[in-house]
Structure formats: structure tokens, C-alpha cells
PDB file of N, CA and C in Angstrom:
ATOM      1  N   MET A   1      -5.241   7.420  10.165  1.00  0.00           N
ATOM      2  CA  MET A   1      -4.006   7.406   9.395  1.00  0.00           C
ATOM      3  C   MET A   1      -4.186   6.534   8.153  1.00  0.00           C
ATOM      4  N   ALA A   2      -3.325   6.768   7.226  1.00  0.00           N
ATOM      5  CA  ALA A   2      -3.318   5.980   5.997  1.00  0.00           C
ATOM      6  C   ALA A   2      -1.896   5.955   5.468  1.00  0.00           C
ATOM      7  N   LEU A   3      -1.687   5.123   4.482  1.00  0.00           N
ATOM      8  CA  LEU A   3      -0.392   5.013   3.843  1.00  0.00           C
ATOM      9  C   LEU A   3      -0.479   5.588   2.439  1.00  0.00           C
ATOM     10  N   LYS A   4       0.679   5.937   1.869  1.00  0.00           N
ATOM     11  CA  LYS A   4       0.740   6.481   0.525  1.00  0.00           C
ATOM     12  C   LYS A   4       1.887   5.817  -0.216  1.00  0.00           C
ATOM     13  N   ILE A   5       1.692   5.570  -1.493  1.00  0.00           N
ATOM     14  CA  ILE A   5       2.755   5.045  -2.340  1.00  0.00           C
ATOM     15  C   ILE A   5       3.379   6.231  -3.059  1.00  0.00           C
ATOM     16  N   ASN A   6       4.693   6.394  -2.906  1.00  0.00           N
ATOM     17  CA  ASN A   6       5.365   7.550  -3.507  1.00  0.00           C
ATOM     18  C   ASN A   6       5.933   7.210  -4.888  1.00  0.00           C
ATOM     19  N   GLU A   7       6.619   8.175  -5.493  1.00  0.00           N
ATOM     20  CA  GLU A   7       7.128   8.049  -6.854  1.00  0.00           C
ATOM     21  C   GLU A   7       8.233   7.012  -7.017  1.00  0.00           C
ATOM     22  N   ASP A   8       8.712   6.433  -5.916  1.00  0.00           N
ATOM     23  CA  ASP A   8       9.700   5.362  -6.003  1.00  0.00           C
ATOM     24  C   ASP A   8       9.080   4.030  -6.408  1.00  0.00           C
ATOM     25  N   CYS A   9       7.756   3.986  -6.506  1.00  0.00           N
ATOM     26  CA  CYS A   9       7.034   2.768  -6.888  1.00  0.00           C
ATOM     27  C   CYS A   9       7.495   2.296  -8.271  1.00  0.00           C
ATOM     28  N   ILE A  10       7.770   1.000  -8.383  1.00  0.00           N
ATOM     29  CA  ILE A  10       8.185   0.412  -9.659  1.00  0.00           C
ATOM     30  C   ILE A  10       7.037  -0.352 -10.323  1.00  0.00           C
ATOM     31  N   SER A  11       5.836  -0.199  -9.796  1.00  0.00           N
ATOM     32  CA  SER A  11       4.623  -0.826 -10.350  1.00  0.00           C
ATOM     33  C   SER A  11       4.737  -2.339 -10.483  1.00  0.00           C
ATOM     34  N   CYS A  12       5.332  -2.966  -9.488  1.00  0.00           N
ATOM     35  CA  CYS A  12       5.490  -4.422  -9.529  1.00  0.00           C
ATOM     36  C   CYS A  12       4.205  -5.157  -9.144  1.00  0.00           C
ATOM     37  N   GLY A  13       3.338  -4.489  -8.375  1.00  0.00           N
ATOM     38  CA  GLY A  13       2.070  -5.092  -7.991  1.00  0.00           C
ATOM     39  C   GLY A  13       2.127  -5.982  -6.764  1.00  0.00           C
ATOM     40  N   ALA A  14       3.265  -6.065  -6.103  1.00  0.00           N
ATOM     41  CA  ALA A  14       3.406  -6.937  -4.934  1.00  0.00           C
ATOM     42  C   ALA A  14       2.491  -6.517  -3.784  1.00  0.00           C
ATOM     43  N   CYS A  15       2.217  -5.245  -3.677  1.00  0.00           N
ATOM     44  CA  CYS A  15       1.434  -4.720  -2.560  1.00  0.00           C
ATOM     45  C   CYS A  15      -0.059  -5.000  -2.666  1.00  0.00           C
ATOM     46  N   GLU A  16      -0.593  -4.974  -3.872  1.00  0.00           N
ATOM     47  CA  GLU A  16      -2.044  -5.056  -4.074  1.00  0.00           C
ATOM     48  C   GLU A  16      -2.698  -6.272  -3.420  1.00  0.00           C
ATOM     49  N   PRO A  17      -2.203  -7.487  -3.637  1.00  0.00           N
ATOM     50  CA  PRO A  17      -2.868  -8.648  -3.024  1.00  0.00           C
ATOM     51  C   PRO A  17      -2.688  -8.752  -1.507  1.00  0.00           C
ATOM     52  N   GLU A  18      -1.760  -7.984  -0.947  1.00  0.00           N
ATOM     53  CA  GLU A  18      -1.500  -8.038   0.494  1.00  0.00           C
ATOM     54  C   GLU A  18      -2.507  -7.246   1.313  1.00  0.00           C
ATOM     55  N   CYS A  19      -3.235  -6.328   0.700  1.00  0.00           N
ATOM     56  CA  CYS A  19      -4.144  -5.447   1.426  1.00  0.00           C
ATOM     57  C   CYS A  19      -5.435  -6.180   1.806  1.00  0.00           C
ATOM     58  N   PRO A  20      -5.727  -6.276   3.108  1.00  0.00           N
ATOM     59  CA  PRO A  20      -6.923  -7.015   3.547  1.00  0.00           C
ATOM     60  C   PRO A  20      -8.237  -6.280   3.279  1.00  0.00           C
ATOM     61  N   VAL A  21      -8.168  -4.989   2.937  1.00  0.00           N
ATOM     62  CA  VAL A  21      -9.394  -4.221   2.677  1.00  0.00           C
ATOM     63  C   VAL A  21      -9.445  -3.683   1.246  1.00  0.00           C
ATOM     64  N   ASP A  22      -8.613  -4.209   0.370  1.00  0.00           N
ATOM     65  CA  ASP A  22      -8.592  -3.828  -1.049  1.00  0.00           C
ATOM     66  C   ASP A  22      -8.463  -2.315  -1.266  1.00  0.00           C
ATOM     67  N   ALA A  23      -7.586  -1.673  -0.501  1.00  0.00           N
ATOM     68  CA  ALA A  23      -7.379  -0.230  -0.626  1.00  0.00           C
ATOM     69  C   ALA A  23      -6.338   0.132  -1.678  1.00  0.00           C
ATOM     70  N   ILE A  24      -5.627  -0.863  -2.220  1.00  0.00           N
ATOM     71  CA  ILE A  24      -4.563  -0.608  -3.189  1.00  0.00           C
ATOM     72  C   ILE A  24      -5.029  -0.988  -4.583  1.00  0.00           C
ATOM     73  N   SER A  25      -4.759  -0.102  -5.534  1.00  0.00           N
ATOM     74  CA  SER A  25      -5.119  -0.381  -6.919  1.00  0.00           C
ATOM     75  C   SER A  25      -4.055   0.196  -7.851  1.00  0.00           C
ATOM     76  N   GLU A  26      -4.081  -0.262  -9.094  1.00  0.00           N
ATOM     77  CA  GLU A  26      -3.134   0.214 -10.084  1.00  0.00           C
ATOM     78  C   GLU A  26      -3.575   1.586 -10.582  1.00  0.00           C
ATOM     79  N   GLY A  27      -2.679   2.551 -10.471  1.00  0.00           N
ATOM     80  CA  GLY A  27      -2.961   3.897 -10.965  1.00  0.00           C
ATOM     81  C   GLY A  27      -2.437   4.065 -12.374  1.00  0.00           C
ATOM     82  N   ASP A  28      -2.352   5.289 -12.835  1.00  0.00           N
ATOM     83  CA  ASP A  28      -1.864   5.547 -14.190  1.00  0.00           C
ATOM     84  C   ASP A  28      -0.394   5.167 -14.353  1.00  0.00           C
ATOM     85  N   ASP A  29       0.445   5.601 -13.421  1.00  0.00           N
ATOM     86  CA  ASP A  29       1.880   5.315 -13.515  1.00  0.00           C
ATOM     87  C   ASP A  29       2.379   4.432 -12.387  1.00  0.00           C
ATOM     88  N   ILE A  30       1.788   4.575 -11.216  1.00  0.00           N
ATOM     89  CA  ILE A  30       2.187   3.795 -10.043  1.00  0.00           C
ATOM     90  C   ILE A  30       0.935   3.290  -9.339  1.00  0.00           C
ATOM     91  N   TYR A  31       1.119   2.388  -8.396  1.00  0.00           N
ATOM     92  CA  TYR A  31      -0.011   1.923  -7.598  1.00  0.00           C
ATOM     93  C   TYR A  31      -0.412   3.010  -6.615  1.00  0.00           C
ATOM     94  N   VAL A  32      -1.676   3.007  -6.216  1.00  0.00           N
ATOM     95  CA  VAL A  32      -2.189   4.026  -5.301  1.00  0.00           C
ATOM     96  C   VAL A  32      -2.946   3.366  -4.158  1.00  0.00           C
ATOM     97  N   ILE A  33      -2.987   4.053  -3.030  1.00  0.00           N
ATOM     98  CA  ILE A  33      -3.731   3.595  -1.862  1.00  0.00           C
ATOM     99  C   ILE A  33      -4.857   4.576  -1.597  1.00  0.00           C
ATOM    100  N   ASP A  34      -6.074   4.069  -1.493  1.00  0.00           N
ATOM    101  CA  ASP A  34      -7.230   4.904  -1.174  1.00  0.00           C
ATOM    102  C   ASP A  34      -7.166   5.245   0.311  1.00  0.00           C
ATOM    103  N   PRO A  35      -6.916   6.519   0.657  1.00  0.00           N
ATOM    104  CA  PRO A  35      -6.775   6.879   2.072  1.00  0.00           C
ATOM    105  C   PRO A  35      -8.065   6.729   2.876  1.00  0.00           C
ATOM    106  N   GLU A  36      -9.202   6.712   2.207  1.00  0.00           N
ATOM    107  CA  GLU A  36     -10.484   6.528   2.894  1.00  0.00           C
ATOM    108  C   GLU A  36     -10.698   5.071   3.286  1.00  0.00           C
ATOM    109  N   THR A  37     -10.042   4.161   2.589  1.00  0.00           N
ATOM    110  CA  THR A  37     -10.212   2.725   2.830  1.00  0.00           C
ATOM    111  C   THR A  37      -9.078   2.137   3.664  1.00  0.00           C
ATOM    112  N   CYS A  38      -7.872   2.672   3.515  1.00  0.00           N
ATOM    113  CA  CYS A  38      -6.690   2.135   4.195  1.00  0.00           C
ATOM    114  C   CYS A  38      -6.841   2.199   5.712  1.00  0.00           C
ATOM    115  N   ILE A  39      -6.605   1.070   6.355  1.00  0.00           N
ATOM    116  CA  ILE A  39      -6.655   0.989   7.817  1.00  0.00           C
ATOM    117  C   ILE A  39      -5.298   0.590   8.404  1.00  0.00           C
ATOM    118  N   GLU A  40      -4.250   0.627   7.547  1.00  0.00           N
ATOM    119  CA  GLU A  40      -2.898   0.229   7.949  1.00  0.00           C
ATOM    120  C   GLU A  40      -2.884  -1.180   8.547  1.00  0.00           C
ATOM    121  N   CYS A  41      -3.793  -2.025   8.091  1.00  0.00           N
ATOM    122  CA  CYS A  41      -3.905  -3.430   8.490  1.00  0.00           C
ATOM    123  C   CYS A  41      -4.327  -3.621   9.946  1.00  0.00           C
ATOM    124  N   LYS A  42      -4.759  -2.553  10.613  1.00  0.00           N
ATOM    125  CA  LYS A  42      -5.197  -2.679  12.011  1.00  0.00           C
ATOM    126  C   LYS A  42      -6.388  -3.635  12.108  1.00  0.00           C
ATOM    127  N   GLY A  43      -6.290  -4.545  13.061  1.00  0.00           N
ATOM    128  CA  GLY A  43      -7.325  -5.553  13.235  1.00  0.00           C
ATOM    129  C   GLY A  43      -7.087  -6.797  12.394  1.00  0.00           C
ATOM    130  N   HIS A  44      -6.090  -6.733  11.504  1.00  0.00           N
ATOM    131  CA  HIS A  44      -5.754  -7.867  10.653  1.00  0.00           C
ATOM    132  C   HIS A  44      -4.331  -8.360  10.910  1.00  0.00           C
ATOM    133  N   PHE A  45      -3.386  -7.410  10.971  1.00  0.00           N
ATOM    134  CA  PHE A  45      -1.969  -7.723  11.151  1.00  0.00           C
ATOM    135  C   PHE A  45      -1.343  -6.700  12.089  1.00  0.00           C
ATOM    136  N   ASP A  46      -0.188  -7.034  12.645  1.00  0.00           N
ATOM    137  CA  ASP A  46       0.519  -6.110  13.539  1.00  0.00           C
ATOM    138  C   ASP A  46       1.141  -4.940  12.779  1.00  0.00           C
ATOM    139  N   GLU A  47       1.550  -5.167  11.551  1.00  0.00           N
ATOM    140  CA  GLU A  47       2.193  -4.149  10.722  1.00  0.00           C
ATOM    141  C   GLU A  47       1.530  -4.127   9.349  1.00  0.00           C
ATOM    142  N   PRO A  48       1.567  -2.982   8.673  1.00  0.00           N
ATOM    143  CA  PRO A  48       1.023  -2.927   7.313  1.00  0.00           C
ATOM    144  C   PRO A  48       1.752  -3.910   6.388  1.00  0.00           C
ATOM    145  N   GLN A  49       1.019  -4.794   5.779  1.00  0.00           N
ATOM    146  CA  GLN A  49       1.612  -5.831   4.945  1.00  0.00           C
ATOM    147  C   GLN A  49       2.224  -5.301   3.662  1.00  0.00           C
ATOM    148  N   CYS A  50       1.644  -4.255   3.098  1.00  0.00           N
ATOM    149  CA  CYS A  50       2.179  -3.702   1.850  1.00  0.00           C
ATOM    150  C   CYS A  50       3.588  -3.169   2.043  1.00  0.00           C
ATOM    151  N   VAL A  51       3.852  -2.576   3.196  1.00  0.00           N
ATOM    152  CA  VAL A  51       5.179  -2.035   3.484  1.00  0.00           C
ATOM    153  C   VAL A  51       6.206  -3.165   3.512  1.00  0.00           C
ATOM    154  N   ASP A  52       5.824  -4.291   4.100  1.00  0.00           N
ATOM    155  CA  ASP A  52       6.748  -5.422   4.212  1.00  0.00           C
ATOM    156  C   ASP A  52       7.135  -6.018   2.865  1.00  0.00           C
ATOM    157  N   VAL A  53       6.227  -5.998   1.881  1.00  0.00           N
ATOM    158  CA  VAL A  53       6.513  -6.642   0.603  1.00  0.00           C
ATOM    159  C   VAL A  53       7.025  -5.698  -0.481  1.00  0.00           C
ATOM    160  N   CYS A  54       7.011  -4.402  -0.239  1.00  0.00           N
ATOM    161  CA  CYS A  54       7.422  -3.430  -1.256  1.00  0.00           C
ATOM    162  C   CYS A  54       8.932  -3.477  -1.470  1.00  0.00           C
ATOM    163  N   PRO A  55       9.389  -3.891  -2.672  1.00  0.00           N
ATOM    164  CA  PRO A  55      10.826  -3.992  -2.922  1.00  0.00           C
ATOM    165  C   PRO A  55      11.525  -2.646  -3.084  1.00  0.00           C
ATOM    166  N   SER A  56      10.764  -1.587  -3.368  1.00  0.00           N
ATOM    167  CA  SER A  56      11.383  -0.278  -3.574  1.00  0.00           C
ATOM    168  C   SER A  56      11.178   0.674  -2.390  1.00  0.00           C
ATOM    169  N   GLU A  57      10.589   0.151  -1.319  1.00  0.00           N
ATOM    170  CA  GLU A  57      10.344   0.944  -0.111  1.00  0.00           C
ATOM    171  C   GLU A  57       9.611   2.250  -0.444  1.00  0.00           C
ATOM    172  N   ALA A  58       8.573   2.132  -1.294  1.00  0.00           N
ATOM    173  CA  ALA A  58       7.853   3.297  -1.793  1.00  0.00           C
ATOM    174  C   ALA A  58       6.590   3.633  -0.985  1.00  0.00           C
ATOM    175  N   ILE A  59       6.346   2.909   0.101  1.00  0.00           N
ATOM    176  CA  ILE A  59       5.113   3.130   0.871  1.00  0.00           C
ATOM    177  C   ILE A  59       5.443   3.817   2.185  1.00  0.00           C
ATOM    178  N   GLU A  60       4.751   4.938   2.422  1.00  0.00           N
ATOM    179  CA  GLU A  60       5.022   5.738   3.622  1.00  0.00           C
ATOM    180  C   GLU A  60       3.712   6.187   4.258  1.00  0.00           C
ATOM    181  N   LYS A  61       3.811   6.593   5.522  1.00  0.00           N
ATOM    182  CA  LYS A  61       2.634   7.120   6.219  1.00  0.00           C
ATOM    183  C   LYS A  61       2.348   8.540   5.749  1.00  0.00           C
ATOM    184  N   LEU A  62       1.068   8.869   5.663  1.00  0.00           N
ATOM    185  CA  LEU A  62       0.664  10.241   5.303  1.00  0.00           C
ATOM    186  C   LEU A  62       0.920  11.182   6.451  1.00  0.00           C
TER     187      LEU A  62
END
């Protein structure tokens, strides 16, 4: 599984530093999550950290 940032993203950047495997990066208009790298924080945290810090609730499961 992986997470995806949808069009509700406000490009605030809050999610990027929270990712323990550096799967989040700034895209052209919004931030993006590399689905090949994203592990949903398994082995690091109980819940995906990016979801917890996203002010626009723009991160969802694929």
C-alpha cells in the first residue's frame, strides 16, 4: 500500500519532513508521494505521520 496526495494539497510542505523514508517531494503544483518508496510509516510509527500533519486533509490511501 501507499499514500497519495490529492488536489486538495495547499503545498504547505508540512508533510515532507515527517516522512521517515523521504518518499514525499515537491511536485509541480502540489506535493507528491513516491508509491514505490512509501511504506505508510510501518516499522517507524503506528500511523502515517504525513496524514497527521496535513492541514488540508489531502493525503489518502491508494
